[in-house]
Amino acid sequence: MTTAFPPLPISSVALKELRVRDDAGNPPRPYTDGEGGAPLRCCLRSSTSGERIALLSYAPLRRWASRTGVDPGAYDEQGPVFVHAEDCGGPAGEHLGYPWARPGALRVLRRYDSRGHITGGRLLELPDDAQAAFAHALAEAFADPGTAQVHVRAVEYGCYHFRVDRP
């Protein structure tokens, strides 16, 4: 499935750094996933039982801001994300749509401008056609010409899921 607003995994450059020291300054603690189901931000899929993964602290806006030369100020935040303990090559095959899009899930879409400041947000309860709902909510977000990127997070834990950049 191809989308007009493709979700972006954590970049390979950031992953290489995070696998040495995360954005909170901690070394990774890889482990073997005994259950599966962890949302992997490196390849935008859920883990399977037996995979080596790590739970790391990640600051997506801070990393973007350092590459673009802006200061997000108080909007900088970090939180836990699951990634493969080793390089996995990123998402497999063609773009597979929006990950973790199960009906009934609550997501927040936070809009950021080119300065890294929040310019708005939207709560989205995913309906049966979650892919279409994401596409509509992202089109709505990018209808604002000031929106440079959108972060999608889970409402329940505030977990960062993925970023979408202005097309």
Protein backbone atom coordinates (compact mmCIF):
# COMPACT_ATOMS: atom_id res chain seq x y z
CA MET A 1 0.00 0.00 0.00
CA THR A 2 1.44 3.36 -1.01
CA THR A 3 0.43 6.47 0.90
CA ALA A 4 0.67 10.18 0.11
CA PHE A 5 2.18 10.71 3.56
CA PRO A 6 4.66 7.89 4.20
CA PRO A 7 5.58 7.13 7.82
CA LEU A 8 9.29 7.43 8.54
CA PRO A 9 11.19 5.01 10.76
CA ILE A 10 14.07 6.17 12.93
CA SER A 11 16.94 6.88 10.54
CA SER A 12 19.79 4.39 10.20
CA VAL A 13 22.26 7.09 11.33
CA ALA A 14 20.28 7.73 14.52
CA LEU A 15 19.86 4.00 15.14
CA LYS A 16 23.61 3.44 14.90
CA GLU A 17 24.14 6.12 17.56
CA LEU A 18 21.27 4.92 19.76
CA ARG A 19 22.63 1.38 19.77
CA VAL A 20 25.77 2.77 21.45
CA ARG A 21 24.15 5.37 23.76
CA ASP A 22 20.53 6.48 23.76
CA ASP A 23 19.23 10.05 23.95
CA ALA A 24 19.13 9.87 27.76
CA GLY A 25 22.84 8.96 27.78
CA ASN A 26 22.30 5.29 28.66
CA PRO A 27 23.91 2.28 27.00
CA PRO A 28 21.41 -0.10 25.39
CA ARG A 29 20.33 -3.26 27.20
CA PRO A 30 19.38 -5.69 24.43
CA TYR A 31 17.30 -8.74 25.30
CA THR A 32 15.53 -11.58 23.58
CA ASP A 33 11.84 -10.80 23.15
CA GLY A 34 9.97 -13.71 24.67
CA GLU A 35 6.49 -12.65 23.64
CA GLY A 36 6.65 -10.57 20.46
CA GLY A 37 4.42 -7.61 19.73
CA ALA A 38 6.81 -4.76 20.62
CA PRO A 39 6.38 -1.84 18.17
CA LEU A 40 9.77 -1.57 16.46
CA ARG A 41 10.50 2.00 15.33
CA CYS A 42 13.45 0.87 13.17
CA CYS A 43 11.37 -1.13 10.69
CA LEU A 44 7.80 -0.04 11.55
CA ARG A 45 6.51 -3.50 12.41
CA SER A 46 5.87 -5.49 15.56
CA SER A 47 8.54 -7.79 16.94
CA THR A 48 8.23 -11.54 16.90
CA SER A 49 9.12 -13.91 19.71
CA GLY A 50 12.84 -14.67 19.81
CA GLU A 51 14.07 -11.44 18.20
CA ARG A 52 16.82 -9.43 19.91
CA ILE A 53 15.45 -5.97 20.71
CA ALA A 54 16.24 -3.03 22.96
CA LEU A 55 14.15 -0.38 24.68
CA LEU A 56 15.89 2.97 24.21
CA SER A 57 15.24 6.62 25.00
CA TYR A 58 14.73 8.61 21.79
CA ALA A 59 14.32 12.36 21.21
CA PRO A 60 12.94 12.67 17.66
CA LEU A 61 12.46 16.42 17.59
CA ARG A 62 15.88 17.08 19.14
CA ARG A 63 17.60 14.98 16.48
CA TRP A 64 15.66 16.67 13.67
CA ALA A 65 16.42 20.10 15.13
CA SER A 66 20.15 19.42 15.35
CA ARG A 67 20.20 18.44 11.66
CA THR A 68 18.23 21.53 10.60
CA GLY A 69 19.87 24.07 12.92
CA VAL A 70 16.79 25.05 14.92
CA ASP A 71 16.10 25.06 18.64
CA PRO A 72 12.78 23.44 19.62
CA GLY A 73 13.19 24.75 23.17
CA ALA A 74 10.59 23.39 25.54
CA TYR A 75 9.05 21.23 22.79
CA ASP A 76 12.04 18.88 22.93
CA GLU A 77 11.08 15.62 24.59
CA GLN A 78 12.37 12.08 24.77
CA GLY A 79 10.73 8.79 25.46
CA PRO A 80 11.09 5.04 25.17
CA VAL A 81 11.07 3.24 21.82
CA PHE A 82 11.71 -0.37 20.85
CA VAL A 83 14.26 -1.13 18.13
CA HIS A 84 16.08 -4.21 16.90
CA ALA A 85 19.31 -4.71 18.84
CA GLU A 86 21.18 -5.03 15.51
CA ASP A 87 20.66 -3.41 12.12
CA CYS A 88 17.53 -4.80 10.48
CA GLY A 89 17.64 -2.86 7.23
CA GLY A 90 14.51 -0.83 7.97
CA PRO A 91 10.99 -1.40 6.64
CA ALA A 92 10.74 -4.35 4.25
CA GLY A 93 9.51 -4.12 0.67
CA GLU A 94 7.20 -1.45 -0.63
CA HIS A 95 5.66 1.01 1.81
CA LEU A 96 3.23 -1.06 3.84
CA GLY A 97 0.93 1.65 5.16
CA TYR A 98 0.63 3.05 8.67
CA PRO A 99 1.92 0.72 11.38
CA TRP A 100 0.04 -0.27 14.52
CA ALA A 101 -3.21 0.96 13.01
CA ARG A 102 -5.67 -1.26 14.83
CA PRO A 103 -9.29 -0.12 15.04
CA GLY A 104 -10.10 1.49 18.38
CA ALA A 105 -6.52 2.60 19.09
CA LEU A 106 -6.09 6.20 20.17
CA ARG A 107 -3.41 8.26 18.46
CA VAL A 108 -2.39 11.88 18.71
CA LEU A 109 -0.96 13.66 15.70
CA ARG A 110 1.22 16.59 16.76
CA ARG A 111 2.06 19.19 14.14
CA TYR A 112 5.41 20.99 14.21
CA ASP A 113 6.56 23.99 12.19
CA SER A 114 10.00 24.56 10.68
CA ARG A 115 11.24 25.95 14.04
CA GLY A 116 10.32 22.72 15.81
CA HIS A 117 7.43 24.32 17.69
CA ILE A 118 4.08 22.61 18.14
CA THR A 119 1.44 24.28 15.99
CA GLY A 120 -1.47 22.01 16.79
CA GLY A 121 -2.59 18.49 17.29
CA ARG A 122 -5.41 16.12 16.72
CA LEU A 123 -6.75 13.16 18.64
CA LEU A 124 -7.62 10.25 16.37
CA GLU A 125 -9.56 7.16 17.40
CA LEU A 126 -8.85 4.69 14.64
CA PRO A 127 -11.97 3.35 12.93
CA ASP A 128 -12.22 0.08 10.98
CA ASP A 129 -10.51 1.74 7.99
CA ALA A 130 -7.57 3.03 10.02
CA GLN A 131 -5.39 3.58 6.94
CA ALA A 132 -7.94 5.97 5.43
CA ALA A 133 -8.36 7.75 8.77
CA PHE A 134 -4.59 8.33 9.01
CA ALA A 135 -4.50 9.58 5.41
CA HIS A 136 -7.35 12.03 6.11
CA ALA A 137 -5.86 13.30 9.40
CA LEU A 138 -2.44 13.81 7.80
CA ALA A 139 -3.95 15.61 4.79
CA GLU A 140 -5.74 17.85 7.29
CA ALA A 141 -2.46 18.53 9.15
CA PHE A 142 -0.51 19.36 5.99
CA ALA A 143 -3.31 21.63 4.73
CA ASP A 144 -1.72 24.12 7.13
CA PRO A 145 1.22 25.49 5.10
CA GLY A 146 3.17 26.03 8.33
CA THR A 147 3.25 22.32 9.16
CA ALA A 148 6.70 20.89 8.47
CA GLN A 149 6.22 17.50 10.11
CA VAL A 150 3.76 15.45 12.13
CA HIS A 151 4.62 13.06 14.96
CA VAL A 152 2.22 10.20 15.63
CA ARG A 153 2.07 8.94 19.19
CA ALA A 154 0.01 6.49 21.21
CA VAL A 155 -2.28 8.28 23.65
CA GLU A 156 -2.13 5.62 26.34
CA TYR A 157 1.62 5.82 26.98
CA GLY A 158 2.64 8.81 24.86
CA CYS A 159 4.94 6.53 22.85
CA TYR A 160 6.36 7.95 19.67
CA HIS A 161 5.32 5.79 16.71
CA PHE A 162 6.59 7.55 13.61
CA ARG A 163 7.11 10.89 11.86
CA VAL A 164 5.66 12.15 8.60
CA ASP A 165 7.35 15.01 6.75
CA ARG A 166 5.66 17.53 4.47
CA PRO A 167 5.54 15.93 1.02
